[in-house]
Amino acid sequence: MIDIWTKFARDGKPPQISHREWLPWNLSDSIPYPSMVLNSNKIGLIETKSVEFCIKNWPFPLDKHYNMDFETGVYAKMEEDHDEL
């Protein structure tokens, strides 16, 4: 699966598995937030429940901006004030 994700990130589409290709990506009005499941046992499956859960619980873009200072060797450091938590 890591190879599939790597090729997907590089090429913009998942690679062929054995002799089977993934179904083409298509957007339809009946599926509000489609996402392709990269599982070789479920080739072409379109999932919506997990995406709907994420959209409902973690809106994007974030409603409130979080200030972060970036330093060499440090991923992210939040300011001392943690009112957002």
PDB file of N, CA and C in Angstrom:
ATOM      1  N   MET A   1       0.815  -1.192   0.000  1.00  0.00           N
ATOM      2  CA  MET A   1       0.000   0.000   0.000  1.00  0.00           C
ATOM      3  C   MET A   1       0.863   1.262   0.000  1.00  0.00           C
ATOM      4  N   ILE A   2       2.036   1.203   0.606  1.00  0.00           N
ATOM      5  CA  ILE A   2       2.902   2.383   0.600  1.00  0.00           C
ATOM      6  C   ILE A   2       3.326   2.714  -0.822  1.00  0.00           C
ATOM      7  N   ASP A   3       3.613   1.684  -1.624  1.00  0.00           N
ATOM      8  CA  ASP A   3       3.967   1.926  -3.026  1.00  0.00           C
ATOM      9  C   ASP A   3       2.811   2.583  -3.773  1.00  0.00           C
ATOM     10  N   ILE A   4       1.587   2.141  -3.479  1.00  0.00           N
ATOM     11  CA  ILE A   4       0.412   2.727  -4.136  1.00  0.00           C
ATOM     12  C   ILE A   4       0.301   4.200  -3.770  1.00  0.00           C
ATOM     13  N   TRP A   5       0.447   4.534  -2.475  1.00  0.00           N
ATOM     14  CA  TRP A   5       0.372   5.930  -2.048  1.00  0.00           C
ATOM     15  C   TRP A   5       1.482   6.763  -2.678  1.00  0.00           C
ATOM     16  N   THR A   6       2.682   6.196  -2.764  1.00  0.00           N
ATOM     17  CA  THR A   6       3.810   6.923  -3.355  1.00  0.00           C
ATOM     18  C   THR A   6       3.551   7.234  -4.816  1.00  0.00           C
ATOM     19  N   LYS A   7       3.097   6.245  -5.564  1.00  0.00           N
ATOM     20  CA  LYS A   7       2.816   6.454  -6.991  1.00  0.00           C
ATOM     21  C   LYS A   7       1.634   7.400  -7.179  1.00  0.00           C
ATOM     22  N   PHE A   8       0.648   7.312  -6.262  1.00  0.00           N
ATOM     23  CA  PHE A   8      -0.497   8.219  -6.326  1.00  0.00           C
ATOM     24  C   PHE A   8      -0.037   9.663  -6.108  1.00  0.00           C
ATOM     25  N   ALA A   9       0.833   9.873  -5.125  1.00  0.00           N
ATOM     26  CA  ALA A   9       1.339  11.223  -4.845  1.00  0.00           C
ATOM     27  C   ALA A   9       2.174  11.749  -6.005  1.00  0.00           C
ATOM     28  N   ARG A  10       2.949  10.874  -6.636  1.00  0.00           N
ATOM     29  CA  ARG A  10       3.830  11.306  -7.720  1.00  0.00           C
ATOM     30  C   ARG A  10       3.062  11.526  -9.021  1.00  0.00           C
ATOM     31  N   ASP A  11       2.146  10.608  -9.364  1.00  0.00           N
ATOM     32  CA  ASP A  11       1.480  10.639 -10.668  1.00  0.00           C
ATOM     33  C   ASP A  11       0.080  11.236 -10.648  1.00  0.00           C
ATOM     34  N   GLY A  12      -0.524  11.374  -9.451  1.00  0.00           N
ATOM     35  CA  GLY A  12      -1.873  11.916  -9.368  1.00  0.00           C
ATOM     36  C   GLY A  12      -2.962  10.887  -9.585  1.00  0.00           C
ATOM     37  N   LYS A  13      -2.590   9.617  -9.718  1.00  0.00           N
ATOM     38  CA  LYS A  13      -3.582   8.545  -9.829  1.00  0.00           C
ATOM     39  C   LYS A  13      -2.961   7.262  -9.301  1.00  0.00           C
ATOM     40  N   PRO A  14      -3.780   6.373  -8.733  1.00  0.00           N
ATOM     41  CA  PRO A  14      -3.221   5.128  -8.211  1.00  0.00           C
ATOM     42  C   PRO A  14      -2.777   4.218  -9.357  1.00  0.00           C
ATOM     43  N   PRO A  15      -1.736   3.425  -9.148  1.00  0.00           N
ATOM     44  CA  PRO A  15      -1.232   2.563 -10.214  1.00  0.00           C
ATOM     45  C   PRO A  15      -2.122   1.344 -10.436  1.00  0.00           C
ATOM     46  N   GLN A  16      -1.902   0.693 -11.541  1.00  0.00           N
ATOM     47  CA  GLN A  16      -2.614  -0.547 -11.855  1.00  0.00           C
ATOM     48  C   GLN A  16      -2.151  -1.632 -10.890  1.00  0.00           C
ATOM     49  N   ILE A  17      -3.078  -2.477 -10.444  1.00  0.00           N
ATOM     50  CA  ILE A  17      -2.743  -3.603  -9.582  1.00  0.00           C
ATOM     51  C   ILE A  17      -2.952  -4.868 -10.394  1.00  0.00           C
ATOM     52  N   SER A  18      -1.878  -5.602 -10.626  1.00  0.00           N
ATOM     53  CA  SER A  18      -1.916  -6.786 -11.485  1.00  0.00           C
ATOM     54  C   SER A  18      -2.432  -6.353 -12.848  1.00  0.00           C
ATOM     55  N   HIS A  19      -3.523  -6.919 -13.306  1.00  0.00           N
ATOM     56  CA  HIS A  19      -4.078  -6.537 -14.608  1.00  0.00           C
ATOM     57  C   HIS A  19      -5.267  -5.588 -14.469  1.00  0.00           C
ATOM     58  N   ARG A  20      -5.631  -5.234 -13.227  1.00  0.00           N
ATOM     59  CA  ARG A  20      -6.810  -4.400 -12.989  1.00  0.00           C
ATOM     60  C   ARG A  20      -6.425  -2.948 -12.778  1.00  0.00           C
ATOM     61  N   GLU A  21      -7.229  -2.055 -13.329  1.00  0.00           N
ATOM     62  CA  GLU A  21      -7.025  -0.619 -13.116  1.00  0.00           C
ATOM     63  C   GLU A  21      -8.109  -0.109 -12.178  1.00  0.00           C
ATOM     64  N   TRP A  22      -7.813   0.969 -11.497  1.00  0.00           N
ATOM     65  CA  TRP A  22      -8.803   1.608 -10.638  1.00  0.00           C
ATOM     66  C   TRP A  22      -9.850   2.265 -11.522  1.00  0.00           C
ATOM     67  N   LEU A  23     -11.068   2.342 -11.026  1.00  0.00           N
ATOM     68  CA  LEU A  23     -12.117   3.043 -11.765  1.00  0.00           C
ATOM     69  C   LEU A  23     -11.754   4.515 -11.858  1.00  0.00           C
ATOM     70  N   PRO A  24     -12.130   5.180 -12.940  1.00  0.00           N
ATOM     71  CA  PRO A  24     -11.794   6.603 -13.060  1.00  0.00           C
ATOM     72  C   PRO A  24     -12.523   7.423 -12.001  1.00  0.00           C
ATOM     73  N   TRP A  25     -11.880   8.488 -11.584  1.00  0.00           N
ATOM     74  CA  TRP A  25     -12.469   9.395 -10.599  1.00  0.00           C
ATOM     75  C   TRP A  25     -13.568  10.188 -11.267  1.00  0.00           C
ATOM     76  N   ASN A  26     -14.745  10.189 -10.676  1.00  0.00           N
ATOM     77  CA  ASN A  26     -15.810  11.019 -11.228  1.00  0.00           C
ATOM     78  C   ASN A  26     -16.589  11.653 -10.089  1.00  0.00           C
ATOM     79  N   LEU A  27     -16.895  12.913 -10.260  1.00  0.00           N
ATOM     80  CA  LEU A  27     -17.670  13.635  -9.258  1.00  0.00           C
ATOM     81  C   LEU A  27     -19.127  13.616  -9.665  1.00  0.00           C
ATOM     82  N   SER A  28     -19.989  13.411  -8.692  1.00  0.00           N
ATOM     83  CA  SER A  28     -21.413  13.462  -8.986  1.00  0.00           C
ATOM     84  C   SER A  28     -22.103  14.212  -7.859  1.00  0.00           C
ATOM     85  N   ASP A  29     -23.251  14.780  -8.170  1.00  0.00           N
ATOM     86  CA  ASP A  29     -23.978  15.556  -7.165  1.00  0.00           C
ATOM     87  C   ASP A  29     -24.525  14.676  -6.048  1.00  0.00           C
ATOM     88  N   SER A  30     -24.698  13.380  -6.310  1.00  0.00           N
ATOM     89  CA  SER A  30     -25.263  12.499  -5.292  1.00  0.00           C
ATOM     90  C   SER A  30     -24.246  12.168  -4.195  1.00  0.00           C
ATOM     91  N   ILE A  31     -22.967  12.374  -4.456  1.00  0.00           N
ATOM     92  CA  ILE A  31     -21.923  12.126  -3.459  1.00  0.00           C
ATOM     93  C   ILE A  31     -21.261  13.469  -3.144  1.00  0.00           C
ATOM     94  N   PRO A  32     -21.579  14.086  -1.981  1.00  0.00           N
ATOM     95  CA  PRO A  32     -21.069  15.430  -1.707  1.00  0.00           C
ATOM     96  C   PRO A  32     -19.562  15.503  -1.501  1.00  0.00           C
ATOM     97  N   TYR A  33     -18.958  14.538  -0.809  1.00  0.00           N
ATOM     98  CA  TYR A  33     -17.520  14.566  -0.527  1.00  0.00           C
ATOM     99  C   TYR A  33     -16.903  13.211  -0.869  1.00  0.00           C
ATOM    100  N   PRO A  34     -16.731  12.914  -2.154  1.00  0.00           N
ATOM    101  CA  PRO A  34     -16.207  11.589  -2.494  1.00  0.00           C
ATOM    102  C   PRO A  34     -14.717  11.477  -2.209  1.00  0.00           C
ATOM    103  N   SER A  35     -14.302  10.302  -1.821  1.00  0.00           N
ATOM    104  CA  SER A  35     -12.873  10.020  -1.686  1.00  0.00           C
ATOM    105  C   SER A  35     -12.638   8.591  -2.138  1.00  0.00           C
ATOM    106  N   MET A  36     -11.543   8.367  -2.847  1.00  0.00           N
ATOM    107  CA  MET A  36     -11.247   7.037  -3.344  1.00  0.00           C
ATOM    108  C   MET A  36     -10.564   6.234  -2.246  1.00  0.00           C
ATOM    109  N   VAL A  37     -11.021   5.011  -2.034  1.00  0.00           N
ATOM    110  CA  VAL A  37     -10.420   4.126  -1.053  1.00  0.00           C
ATOM    111  C   VAL A  37      -9.272   3.389  -1.724  1.00  0.00           C
ATOM    112  N   LEU A  38      -8.039   3.603  -1.238  1.00  0.00           N
ATOM    113  CA  LEU A  38      -6.885   2.917  -1.812  1.00  0.00           C
ATOM    114  C   LEU A  38      -6.685   1.588  -1.092  1.00  0.00           C
ATOM    115  N   ASN A  39      -7.507   0.621  -1.472  1.00  0.00           N
ATOM    116  CA  ASN A  39      -7.463  -0.715  -0.893  1.00  0.00           C
ATOM    117  C   ASN A  39      -7.556  -1.693  -2.047  1.00  0.00           C
ATOM    118  N   SER A  40      -6.541  -2.523  -2.239  1.00  0.00           N
ATOM    119  CA  SER A  40      -6.515  -3.424  -3.388  1.00  0.00           C
ATOM    120  C   SER A  40      -7.638  -4.449  -3.358  1.00  0.00           C
ATOM    121  N   ASN A  41      -8.255  -4.668  -2.202  1.00  0.00           N
ATOM    122  CA  ASN A  41      -9.394  -5.585  -2.119  1.00  0.00           C
ATOM    123  C   ASN A  41     -10.707  -4.906  -2.490  1.00  0.00           C
ATOM    124  N   LYS A  42     -10.696  -3.592  -2.577  1.00  0.00           N
ATOM    125  CA  LYS A  42     -11.914  -2.833  -2.881  1.00  0.00           C
ATOM    126  C   LYS A  42     -11.627  -1.837  -3.992  1.00  0.00           C
ATOM    127  N   ILE A  43     -11.137  -2.313  -5.108  1.00  0.00           N
ATOM    128  CA  ILE A  43     -10.747  -1.436  -6.209  1.00  0.00           C
ATOM    129  C   ILE A  43     -11.952  -0.646  -6.709  1.00  0.00           C
ATOM    130  N   GLY A  44     -11.807   0.661  -6.759  1.00  0.00           N
ATOM    131  CA  GLY A  44     -12.846   1.532  -7.284  1.00  0.00           C
ATOM    132  C   GLY A  44     -13.888   1.972  -6.278  1.00  0.00           C
ATOM    133  N   LEU A  45     -13.785   1.528  -5.035  1.00  0.00           N
ATOM    134  CA  LEU A  45     -14.772   1.906  -4.026  1.00  0.00           C
ATOM    135  C   LEU A  45     -14.659   3.390  -3.707  1.00  0.00           C
ATOM    136  N   ILE A  46     -15.792   4.068  -3.659  1.00  0.00           N
ATOM    137  CA  ILE A  46     -15.837   5.482  -3.282  1.00  0.00           C
ATOM    138  C   ILE A  46     -16.446   5.565  -1.884  1.00  0.00           C
ATOM    139  N   GLU A  47     -15.747   6.186  -0.973  1.00  0.00           N
ATOM    140  CA  GLU A  47     -16.175   6.294   0.419  1.00  0.00           C
ATOM    141  C   GLU A  47     -16.637   7.718   0.695  1.00  0.00           C
ATOM    142  N   THR A  48     -17.707   7.879   1.471  1.00  0.00           N
ATOM    143  CA  THR A  48     -18.151   9.227   1.828  1.00  0.00           C
ATOM    144  C   THR A  48     -18.285   9.432   3.331  1.00  0.00           C
ATOM    145  N   LYS A  49     -18.555   8.396   4.103  1.00  0.00           N
ATOM    146  CA  LYS A  49     -18.838   8.582   5.527  1.00  0.00           C
ATOM    147  C   LYS A  49     -17.674   9.201   6.280  1.00  0.00           C
ATOM    148  N   SER A  50     -16.463   8.702   6.074  1.00  0.00           N
ATOM    149  CA  SER A  50     -15.326   9.253   6.822  1.00  0.00           C
ATOM    150  C   SER A  50     -15.048  10.697   6.436  1.00  0.00           C
ATOM    151  N   VAL A  51     -15.247  11.033   5.171  1.00  0.00           N
ATOM    152  CA  VAL A  51     -15.017  12.404   4.727  1.00  0.00           C
ATOM    153  C   VAL A  51     -16.072  13.329   5.315  1.00  0.00           C
ATOM    154  N   GLU A  52     -17.337  12.900   5.329  1.00  0.00           N
ATOM    155  CA  GLU A  52     -18.400  13.713   5.920  1.00  0.00           C
ATOM    156  C   GLU A  52     -18.118  13.957   7.399  1.00  0.00           C
ATOM    157  N   PHE A  53     -17.617  12.939   8.109  1.00  0.00           N
ATOM    158  CA  PHE A  53     -17.276  13.082   9.522  1.00  0.00           C
ATOM    159  C   PHE A  53     -16.192  14.144   9.703  1.00  0.00           C
ATOM    160  N   CYS A  54     -15.158  14.106   8.863  1.00  0.00           N
ATOM    161  CA  CYS A  54     -14.066  15.080   8.962  1.00  0.00           C
ATOM    162  C   CYS A  54     -14.551  16.491   8.654  1.00  0.00           C
ATOM    163  N   ILE A  55     -15.352  16.642   7.598  1.00  0.00           N
ATOM    164  CA  ILE A  55     -15.868  17.962   7.226  1.00  0.00           C
ATOM    165  C   ILE A  55     -16.716  18.532   8.357  1.00  0.00           C
ATOM    166  N   LYS A  56     -17.513  17.685   8.988  1.00  0.00           N
ATOM    167  CA  LYS A  56     -18.410  18.124  10.056  1.00  0.00           C
ATOM    168  C   LYS A  56     -17.638  18.519  11.318  1.00  0.00           C
ATOM    169  N   ASN A  57     -16.571  17.791  11.643  1.00  0.00           N
ATOM    170  CA  ASN A  57     -15.859  18.004  12.898  1.00  0.00           C
ATOM    171  C   ASN A  57     -14.611  18.872  12.793  1.00  0.00           C
ATOM    172  N   TRP A  58     -14.015  18.959  11.616  1.00  0.00           N
ATOM    173  CA  TRP A  58     -12.817  19.771  11.429  1.00  0.00           C
ATOM    174  C   TRP A  58     -12.988  20.626  10.191  1.00  0.00           C
ATOM    175  N   PRO A  59     -13.680  21.769  10.324  1.00  0.00           N
ATOM    176  CA  PRO A  59     -13.921  22.614   9.140  1.00  0.00           C
ATOM    177  C   PRO A  59     -12.618  23.156   8.572  1.00  0.00           C
ATOM    178  N   PHE A  60     -12.585  23.275   7.272  1.00  0.00           N
ATOM    179  CA  PHE A  60     -11.403  23.816   6.595  1.00  0.00           C
ATOM    180  C   PHE A  60     -11.861  24.872   5.623  1.00  0.00           C
ATOM    181  N   PRO A  61     -11.268  26.019   5.546  1.00  0.00           N
ATOM    182  CA  PRO A  61     -10.125  26.408   6.372  1.00  0.00           C
ATOM    183  C   PRO A  61     -10.555  26.655   7.806  1.00  0.00           C
ATOM    184  N   LEU A  62      -9.608  26.655   8.709  1.00  0.00           N
ATOM    185  CA  LEU A  62      -9.919  26.833  10.126  1.00  0.00           C
ATOM    186  C   LEU A  62     -10.599  28.176  10.359  1.00  0.00           C
ATOM    187  N   ASP A  63     -11.591  28.165  11.244  1.00  0.00           N
ATOM    188  CA  ASP A  63     -12.307  29.400  11.562  1.00  0.00           C
ATOM    189  C   ASP A  63     -11.395  30.402  12.264  1.00  0.00           C
ATOM    190  N   LYS A  64     -10.488  29.914  13.086  1.00  0.00           N
ATOM    191  CA  LYS A  64      -9.615  30.788  13.854  1.00  0.00           C
ATOM    192  C   LYS A  64      -8.171  30.504  13.466  1.00  0.00           C
ATOM    193  N   HIS A  65      -7.420  31.542  13.211  1.00  0.00           N
ATOM    194  CA  HIS A  65      -6.014  31.392  12.833  1.00  0.00           C
ATOM    195  C   HIS A  65      -5.170  31.086  14.064  1.00  0.00           C
ATOM    196  N   TYR A  66      -4.322  30.099  13.965  1.00  0.00           N
ATOM    197  CA  TYR A  66      -3.414  29.756  15.052  1.00  0.00           C
ATOM    198  C   TYR A  66      -2.033  30.298  14.719  1.00  0.00           C
ATOM    199  N   ASN A  67      -1.498  31.147  15.583  1.00  0.00           N
ATOM    200  CA  ASN A  67      -0.170  31.704  15.360  1.00  0.00           C
ATOM    201  C   ASN A  67       0.889  30.683  15.740  1.00  0.00           C
ATOM    202  N   MET A  68       1.813  30.435  14.837  1.00  0.00           N
ATOM    203  CA  MET A  68       2.898  29.501  15.107  1.00  0.00           C
ATOM    204  C   MET A  68       4.212  30.131  14.677  1.00  0.00           C
ATOM    205  N   ASP A  69       5.218  29.962  15.498  1.00  0.00           N
ATOM    206  CA  ASP A  69       6.565  30.419  15.165  1.00  0.00           C
ATOM    207  C   ASP A  69       7.373  29.210  14.719  1.00  0.00           C
ATOM    208  N   PHE A  70       8.048  29.326  13.587  1.00  0.00           N
ATOM    209  CA  PHE A  70       8.841  28.217  13.079  1.00  0.00           C
ATOM    210  C   PHE A  70      10.315  28.497  13.287  1.00  0.00           C
ATOM    211  N   GLU A  71      11.025  27.514  13.823  1.00  0.00           N
ATOM    212  CA  GLU A  71      12.452  27.623  14.055  1.00  0.00           C
ATOM    213  C   GLU A  71      13.131  26.390  13.478  1.00  0.00           C
ATOM    214  N   THR A  72      14.402  26.494  13.199  1.00  0.00           N
ATOM    215  CA  THR A  72      15.155  25.346  12.723  1.00  0.00           C
ATOM    216  C   THR A  72      15.174  24.265  13.790  1.00  0.00           C
ATOM    217  N   GLY A  73      14.819  23.056  13.415  1.00  0.00           N
ATOM    218  CA  GLY A  73      14.821  21.943  14.360  1.00  0.00           C
ATOM    219  C   GLY A  73      13.559  21.841  15.189  1.00  0.00           C
ATOM    220  N   VAL A  74      12.645  22.774  15.041  1.00  0.00           N
ATOM    221  CA  VAL A  74      11.387  22.748  15.783  1.00  0.00           C
ATOM    222  C   VAL A  74      10.255  22.745  14.772  1.00  0.00           C
ATOM    223  N   TYR A  75       9.340  21.786  14.898  1.00  0.00           N
ATOM    224  CA  TYR A  75       8.235  21.712  13.939  1.00  0.00           C
ATOM    225  C   TYR A  75       7.278  22.884  14.102  1.00  0.00           C
ATOM    226  N   ALA A  76       6.723  23.058  15.286  1.00  0.00           N
ATOM    227  CA  ALA A  76       5.809  24.173  15.519  1.00  0.00           C
ATOM    228  C   ALA A  76       5.786  24.481  17.009  1.00  0.00           C
ATOM    229  N   LYS A  77       5.707  25.738  17.308  1.00  0.00           N
ATOM    230  CA  LYS A  77       5.676  26.163  18.703  1.00  0.00           C
ATOM    231  C   LYS A  77       4.550  27.175  18.827  1.00  0.00           C
ATOM    232  N   MET A  78       3.552  26.851  19.658  1.00  0.00           N
ATOM    233  CA  MET A  78       2.423  27.752  19.819  1.00  0.00           C
ATOM    234  C   MET A  78       2.779  28.835  20.827  1.00  0.00           C
ATOM    235  N   GLU A  79       2.103  29.952  20.726  1.00  0.00           N
ATOM    236  CA  GLU A  79       2.324  31.043  21.669  1.00  0.00           C
ATOM    237  C   GLU A  79       1.903  30.614  23.067  1.00  0.00           C
ATOM    238  N   GLU A  80       2.340  31.364  24.060  1.00  0.00           N
ATOM    239  CA  GLU A  80       2.062  31.030  25.458  1.00  0.00           C
ATOM    240  C   GLU A  80       0.570  31.031  25.774  1.00  0.00           C
ATOM    241  N   ASP A  81      -0.191  31.884  25.136  1.00  0.00           N
ATOM    242  CA  ASP A  81      -1.626  31.998  25.386  1.00  0.00           C
ATOM    243  C   ASP A  81      -2.351  30.839  24.709  1.00  0.00           C
ATOM    244  N   HIS A  82      -3.009  29.993  25.488  1.00  0.00           N
ATOM    245  CA  HIS A  82      -3.695  28.824  24.929  1.00  0.00           C
ATOM    246  C   HIS A  82      -5.212  28.954  25.049  1.00  0.00           C
ATOM    247  N   ASP A  83      -5.756  30.129  24.797  1.00  0.00           N
ATOM    248  CA  ASP A  83      -7.198  30.328  24.878  1.00  0.00           C
ATOM    249  C   ASP A  83      -7.947  29.464  23.872  1.00  0.00           C
ATOM    250  N   GLU A  84      -7.300  29.134  22.749  1.00  0.00           N
ATOM    251  CA  GLU A  84      -7.980  28.348  21.722  1.00  0.00           C
ATOM    252  C   GLU A  84      -8.195  26.902  22.151  1.00  0.00           C
ATOM    253  N   LEU A  85      -7.479  26.453  23.184  1.00  0.00           N
ATOM    254  CA  LEU A  85      -7.634  25.083  23.661  1.00  0.00           C
ATOM    255  C   LEU A  85      -8.743  25.050  24.634  1.00  0.00           C
TER     256      LEU A  85
END
